[in-house]
Amino acid sequence: MPSKLDQPTVDQGRRRFLKTTGIGAGVALAATVLPRLAQADDLPHLAVTDPTAAALGYTEDTNTVDAKKFPTHKPTQDCANCKFFTAGSGEYGPCQLFPGKSVHAKGWCSAHADKA
């Protein structure tokens, strides 16, 4: 006859269920989040000829902005210090104003807004 120690209790079954569910949820989350992070580097670069980019006066070099056309531009403004630029570091990164495209960190557009 098996002893009481050989039989799983309800608590052990509950623990096993919670462990399995937690591991499964972690794997599912990693499978959906990690590919998105990898895709951020694969975004195509925004062309200055893009209609939205042209409308906002986007340039890949803040030093080439036409001061007569954009009198509010300051040489210290660039995409890297704009609140719409969502990349941490690197030459190019995603911008909330241009979904699906990456902008140059040293670029500029007329929608520039300093990070708070």
N, C-alpha and C. Protein backbone atom coordinates (compact mmCIF):
# COMPACT_ATOMS: atom_id res chain seq x y z
N MET A 1 0.83 -1.17 0.00
CA MET A 1 0.00 0.00 0.00
C MET A 1 0.89 1.25 0.00
N PRO A 2 0.59 2.21 -0.93
CA PRO A 2 1.40 3.42 -0.99
C PRO A 2 1.15 4.29 0.23
N SER A 3 2.20 4.96 0.65
CA SER A 3 2.06 5.84 1.80
C SER A 3 1.51 7.19 1.35
N LYS A 4 1.13 8.01 2.33
CA LYS A 4 0.60 9.34 2.04
C LYS A 4 1.65 10.21 1.35
N LEU A 5 2.91 9.99 1.60
CA LEU A 5 3.97 10.78 1.02
C LEU A 5 4.12 10.54 -0.48
N ASP A 6 3.71 9.37 -0.98
CA ASP A 6 3.84 9.05 -2.39
C ASP A 6 2.71 9.64 -3.23
N GLN A 7 1.63 10.08 -2.62
CA GLN A 7 0.49 10.60 -3.36
C GLN A 7 0.57 12.13 -3.43
N PRO A 8 0.41 12.71 -4.66
CA PRO A 8 0.44 14.17 -4.77
C PRO A 8 -0.77 14.77 -4.08
N THR A 9 -0.56 15.90 -3.47
CA THR A 9 -1.66 16.59 -2.81
C THR A 9 -2.24 17.62 -3.77
N VAL A 10 -3.34 18.21 -3.40
CA VAL A 10 -3.96 19.25 -4.20
C VAL A 10 -3.02 20.44 -4.33
N ASP A 11 -2.30 20.78 -3.25
CA ASP A 11 -1.37 21.91 -3.28
C ASP A 11 -0.25 21.68 -4.28
N GLN A 12 0.27 20.46 -4.36
CA GLN A 12 1.34 20.17 -5.31
C GLN A 12 0.82 20.28 -6.75
N GLY A 13 -0.38 19.82 -6.99
CA GLY A 13 -0.97 19.93 -8.32
C GLY A 13 -1.19 21.38 -8.71
N ARG A 14 -1.64 22.19 -7.76
CA ARG A 14 -1.84 23.61 -8.01
C ARG A 14 -0.52 24.30 -8.31
N ARG A 15 0.52 23.98 -7.56
CA ARG A 15 1.84 24.56 -7.80
C ARG A 15 2.37 24.19 -9.19
N ARG A 16 2.20 22.93 -9.56
CA ARG A 16 2.65 22.47 -10.87
C ARG A 16 1.90 23.22 -11.97
N PHE A 17 0.60 23.40 -11.80
CA PHE A 17 -0.20 24.13 -12.78
C PHE A 17 0.26 25.58 -12.92
N LEU A 18 0.49 26.24 -11.79
CA LEU A 18 0.92 27.64 -11.83
C LEU A 18 2.30 27.79 -12.46
N LYS A 19 3.21 26.87 -12.16
CA LYS A 19 4.54 26.90 -12.77
C LYS A 19 4.43 26.74 -14.29
N THR A 20 3.69 25.76 -14.72
CA THR A 20 3.54 25.49 -16.15
C THR A 20 2.88 26.66 -16.86
N THR A 21 1.86 27.23 -16.26
CA THR A 21 1.17 28.37 -16.85
C THR A 21 2.09 29.59 -16.92
N GLY A 22 2.84 29.84 -15.87
CA GLY A 22 3.77 30.97 -15.85
C GLY A 22 4.86 30.83 -16.90
N ILE A 23 5.41 29.66 -17.03
CA ILE A 23 6.45 29.43 -18.05
C ILE A 23 5.86 29.59 -19.44
N GLY A 24 4.67 29.06 -19.65
CA GLY A 24 4.02 29.18 -20.96
C GLY A 24 3.73 30.62 -21.31
N ALA A 25 3.27 31.40 -20.34
CA ALA A 25 2.99 32.82 -20.59
C ALA A 25 4.28 33.57 -20.90
N GLY A 26 5.35 33.26 -20.20
CA GLY A 26 6.64 33.90 -20.45
C GLY A 26 7.16 33.61 -21.85
N VAL A 27 7.03 32.37 -22.29
CA VAL A 27 7.47 31.99 -23.63
C VAL A 27 6.61 32.70 -24.68
N ALA A 28 5.31 32.76 -24.47
CA ALA A 28 4.42 33.42 -25.42
C ALA A 28 4.73 34.91 -25.52
N LEU A 29 4.99 35.55 -24.39
CA LEU A 29 5.33 36.97 -24.38
C LEU A 29 6.64 37.21 -25.11
N ALA A 30 7.64 36.39 -24.84
CA ALA A 30 8.93 36.54 -25.51
C ALA A 30 8.79 36.33 -27.02
N ALA A 31 7.95 35.40 -27.42
CA ALA A 31 7.77 35.13 -28.85
C ALA A 31 7.11 36.29 -29.58
N THR A 32 6.32 37.09 -28.89
CA THR A 32 5.67 38.23 -29.54
C THR A 32 6.48 39.51 -29.42
N VAL A 33 7.20 39.72 -28.32
CA VAL A 33 7.93 40.96 -28.10
C VAL A 33 9.29 40.96 -28.79
N LEU A 34 10.04 39.90 -28.70
CA LEU A 34 11.39 39.87 -29.25
C LEU A 34 11.44 40.11 -30.76
N PRO A 35 10.56 39.53 -31.57
CA PRO A 35 10.60 39.84 -32.99
C PRO A 35 10.34 41.31 -33.28
N ARG A 36 9.49 41.96 -32.50
CA ARG A 36 9.23 43.39 -32.70
C ARG A 36 10.47 44.22 -32.42
N LEU A 37 11.23 43.87 -31.40
CA LEU A 37 12.45 44.59 -31.09
C LEU A 37 13.47 44.42 -32.20
N ALA A 38 13.56 43.25 -32.75
CA ALA A 38 14.49 43.01 -33.84
C ALA A 38 14.09 43.80 -35.09
N GLN A 39 12.81 43.99 -35.31
CA GLN A 39 12.35 44.69 -36.49
C GLN A 39 12.66 46.18 -36.44
N ALA A 40 12.85 46.75 -35.27
CA ALA A 40 13.15 48.18 -35.17
C ALA A 40 14.41 48.53 -35.95
N ASP A 41 15.40 47.64 -35.95
CA ASP A 41 16.63 47.89 -36.69
C ASP A 41 16.44 47.69 -38.19
N ASP A 42 15.41 46.97 -38.58
CA ASP A 42 15.19 46.65 -39.98
C ASP A 42 14.28 47.65 -40.69
N LEU A 43 13.85 48.71 -40.00
CA LEU A 43 12.96 49.68 -40.63
C LEU A 43 13.68 50.39 -41.78
N PRO A 44 12.96 50.65 -42.88
CA PRO A 44 13.59 51.41 -43.96
C PRO A 44 13.81 52.86 -43.54
N HIS A 45 14.86 53.45 -44.07
CA HIS A 45 15.16 54.84 -43.76
C HIS A 45 14.17 55.75 -44.46
N LEU A 46 13.77 56.79 -43.79
CA LEU A 46 12.84 57.77 -44.35
C LEU A 46 13.55 58.57 -45.44
N ALA A 47 12.95 58.63 -46.61
CA ALA A 47 13.51 59.41 -47.70
C ALA A 47 13.03 60.85 -47.59
N VAL A 48 13.89 61.79 -47.90
CA VAL A 48 13.50 63.20 -47.83
C VAL A 48 12.42 63.52 -48.89
N THR A 49 12.26 62.62 -49.86
CA THR A 49 11.24 62.81 -50.89
C THR A 49 9.89 62.24 -50.49
N ASP A 50 9.82 61.56 -49.36
CA ASP A 50 8.55 61.04 -48.84
C ASP A 50 7.60 62.24 -48.66
N PRO A 51 6.33 62.11 -49.09
CA PRO A 51 5.40 63.26 -48.99
C PRO A 51 5.29 63.87 -47.60
N THR A 52 5.19 63.05 -46.56
CA THR A 52 5.09 63.57 -45.20
C THR A 52 6.40 64.23 -44.79
N ALA A 53 7.52 63.60 -45.13
CA ALA A 53 8.83 64.16 -44.80
C ALA A 53 9.02 65.50 -45.48
N ALA A 54 8.64 65.58 -46.75
CA ALA A 54 8.78 66.83 -47.50
C ALA A 54 7.89 67.93 -46.91
N ALA A 55 6.69 67.55 -46.50
CA ALA A 55 5.77 68.53 -45.92
C ALA A 55 6.30 69.10 -44.60
N LEU A 56 7.04 68.28 -43.86
CA LEU A 56 7.59 68.72 -42.57
C LEU A 56 9.02 69.22 -42.70
N GLY A 57 9.54 69.29 -43.92
CA GLY A 57 10.90 69.80 -44.12
C GLY A 57 11.98 68.90 -43.56
N TYR A 58 11.74 67.59 -43.54
CA TYR A 58 12.71 66.65 -42.97
C TYR A 58 14.01 66.69 -43.76
N THR A 59 15.11 66.68 -43.03
CA THR A 59 16.44 66.57 -43.59
C THR A 59 17.24 65.63 -42.70
N GLU A 60 18.20 64.93 -43.28
CA GLU A 60 19.01 64.00 -42.49
C GLU A 60 20.15 64.69 -41.75
N ASP A 61 20.32 65.98 -41.96
CA ASP A 61 21.38 66.72 -41.28
C ASP A 61 20.83 68.07 -40.83
N THR A 62 20.71 68.25 -39.54
CA THR A 62 20.14 69.48 -38.99
C THR A 62 20.92 70.73 -39.42
N ASN A 63 22.18 70.56 -39.80
CA ASN A 63 23.00 71.70 -40.22
C ASN A 63 22.67 72.19 -41.62
N THR A 64 21.85 71.45 -42.36
CA THR A 64 21.50 71.85 -43.73
C THR A 64 20.12 72.49 -43.83
N VAL A 65 19.48 72.77 -42.72
CA VAL A 65 18.13 73.36 -42.71
C VAL A 65 18.20 74.79 -43.25
N ASP A 66 17.27 75.13 -44.13
CA ASP A 66 17.18 76.48 -44.70
C ASP A 66 16.57 77.41 -43.64
N ALA A 67 17.38 78.30 -43.10
CA ALA A 67 16.94 79.20 -42.02
C ALA A 67 15.86 80.16 -42.48
N LYS A 68 15.84 80.51 -43.75
CA LYS A 68 14.81 81.41 -44.26
C LYS A 68 13.46 80.69 -44.33
N LYS A 69 13.49 79.42 -44.70
CA LYS A 69 12.26 78.65 -44.81
C LYS A 69 11.74 78.20 -43.44
N PHE A 70 12.67 77.93 -42.52
CA PHE A 70 12.31 77.47 -41.17
C PHE A 70 13.02 78.35 -40.13
N PRO A 71 12.50 79.56 -39.89
CA PRO A 71 13.17 80.50 -38.99
C PRO A 71 13.21 80.06 -37.52
N THR A 72 12.36 79.12 -37.12
CA THR A 72 12.37 78.68 -35.72
C THR A 72 13.41 77.60 -35.46
N HIS A 73 14.05 77.08 -36.50
CA HIS A 73 15.06 76.04 -36.35
C HIS A 73 16.25 76.55 -35.56
N LYS A 74 16.76 75.69 -34.68
CA LYS A 74 17.98 75.98 -33.93
C LYS A 74 18.99 74.88 -34.25
N PRO A 75 20.24 75.20 -34.42
CA PRO A 75 21.26 74.20 -34.76
C PRO A 75 21.39 73.07 -33.73
N THR A 76 20.97 73.32 -32.49
CA THR A 76 21.06 72.29 -31.45
C THR A 76 19.93 71.27 -31.53
N GLN A 77 18.92 71.54 -32.35
CA GLN A 77 17.80 70.62 -32.49
C GLN A 77 18.15 69.51 -33.49
N ASP A 78 17.91 68.28 -33.09
CA ASP A 78 18.02 67.16 -34.01
C ASP A 78 17.09 66.05 -33.54
N CYS A 79 16.93 65.04 -34.37
CA CYS A 79 15.99 63.96 -34.05
C CYS A 79 16.34 63.25 -32.74
N ALA A 80 17.61 63.10 -32.46
CA ALA A 80 18.04 62.39 -31.25
C ALA A 80 17.54 63.06 -29.98
N ASN A 81 17.31 64.38 -30.00
CA ASN A 81 16.81 65.05 -28.79
C ASN A 81 15.36 65.51 -28.95
N CYS A 82 14.64 64.85 -29.85
CA CYS A 82 13.22 65.14 -30.06
C CYS A 82 12.36 64.11 -29.32
N LYS A 83 11.24 64.55 -28.78
CA LYS A 83 10.39 63.62 -28.01
C LYS A 83 9.73 62.57 -28.89
N PHE A 84 9.69 62.75 -30.19
CA PHE A 84 9.06 61.77 -31.08
C PHE A 84 10.02 60.66 -31.51
N PHE A 85 11.31 60.86 -31.31
CA PHE A 85 12.34 59.88 -31.66
C PHE A 85 12.37 58.84 -30.56
N THR A 86 12.16 57.57 -30.89
CA THR A 86 12.00 56.55 -29.86
C THR A 86 13.19 55.61 -29.71
N ALA A 87 14.27 55.84 -30.41
CA ALA A 87 15.43 54.97 -30.30
C ALA A 87 16.32 55.41 -29.15
N GLY A 88 17.01 54.46 -28.53
CA GLY A 88 17.90 54.79 -27.45
C GLY A 88 19.22 55.35 -27.94
N SER A 89 19.81 54.72 -28.93
CA SER A 89 21.06 55.19 -29.50
C SER A 89 21.21 54.59 -30.89
N GLY A 90 22.15 55.10 -31.62
CA GLY A 90 22.40 54.60 -32.97
C GLY A 90 22.21 55.70 -33.99
N GLU A 91 22.62 55.42 -35.22
CA GLU A 91 22.56 56.43 -36.27
C GLU A 91 21.13 56.67 -36.74
N TYR A 92 20.33 55.61 -36.86
CA TYR A 92 18.93 55.72 -37.27
C TYR A 92 18.04 55.11 -36.21
N GLY A 93 16.80 55.59 -36.14
CA GLY A 93 15.84 55.03 -35.20
C GLY A 93 14.43 55.41 -35.57
N PRO A 94 13.44 54.73 -34.99
CA PRO A 94 12.05 55.02 -35.29
C PRO A 94 11.60 56.38 -34.77
N CYS A 95 10.67 56.98 -35.49
CA CYS A 95 10.08 58.25 -35.09
C CYS A 95 8.56 58.07 -35.11
N GLN A 96 7.89 58.57 -34.10
CA GLN A 96 6.44 58.42 -34.00
C GLN A 96 5.71 59.17 -35.11
N LEU A 97 6.34 60.17 -35.69
CA LEU A 97 5.71 60.95 -36.76
C LEU A 97 5.74 60.23 -38.10
N PHE A 98 6.66 59.28 -38.24
CA PHE A 98 6.82 58.55 -39.49
C PHE A 98 6.76 57.05 -39.21
N PRO A 99 5.56 56.51 -38.95
CA PRO A 99 5.43 55.09 -38.59
C PRO A 99 5.97 54.19 -39.70
N GLY A 100 6.71 53.17 -39.28
CA GLY A 100 7.25 52.20 -40.23
C GLY A 100 8.53 52.65 -40.90
N LYS A 101 9.07 53.80 -40.50
CA LYS A 101 10.30 54.32 -41.09
C LYS A 101 11.25 54.71 -39.96
N SER A 102 12.54 54.76 -40.28
CA SER A 102 13.51 55.24 -39.31
C SER A 102 14.11 56.54 -39.83
N VAL A 103 14.45 57.42 -38.91
CA VAL A 103 15.01 58.72 -39.26
C VAL A 103 16.44 58.81 -38.74
N HIS A 104 17.21 59.68 -39.32
CA HIS A 104 18.60 59.86 -38.91
C HIS A 104 18.63 60.62 -37.58
N ALA A 105 19.46 60.17 -36.66
CA ALA A 105 19.55 60.79 -35.34
C ALA A 105 19.96 62.26 -35.43
N LYS A 106 20.73 62.62 -36.45
CA LYS A 106 21.17 64.01 -36.62
C LYS A 106 20.24 64.78 -37.57
N GLY A 107 19.10 64.17 -37.90
CA GLY A 107 18.14 64.82 -38.79
C GLY A 107 17.29 65.85 -38.06
N TRP A 108 16.36 66.44 -38.80
CA TRP A 108 15.48 67.46 -38.23
C TRP A 108 14.23 67.58 -39.09
N CYS A 109 13.11 67.95 -38.48
CA CYS A 109 11.89 68.32 -39.21
C CYS A 109 11.19 69.44 -38.43
N SER A 110 10.26 70.09 -39.08
CA SER A 110 9.61 71.25 -38.47
C SER A 110 8.72 70.88 -37.28
N ALA A 111 8.44 69.61 -37.08
CA ALA A 111 7.63 69.18 -35.94
C ALA A 111 8.50 68.89 -34.71
N HIS A 112 9.77 69.21 -34.78
CA HIS A 112 10.68 68.93 -33.67
C HIS A 112 10.14 69.49 -32.36
N ALA A 113 10.19 68.67 -31.33
CA ALA A 113 9.77 69.06 -29.98
C ALA A 113 10.80 68.52 -28.99
N ASP A 114 11.41 69.41 -28.25
CA ASP A 114 12.44 68.98 -27.30
C ASP A 114 11.90 67.96 -26.32
N LYS A 115 12.77 67.00 -25.95
CA LYS A 115 12.40 66.03 -24.92
C LYS A 115 12.26 66.76 -23.60
N ALA A 116 11.32 66.32 -22.82
CA ALA A 116 11.10 66.97 -21.51
C ALA A 116 12.13 66.56 -20.49
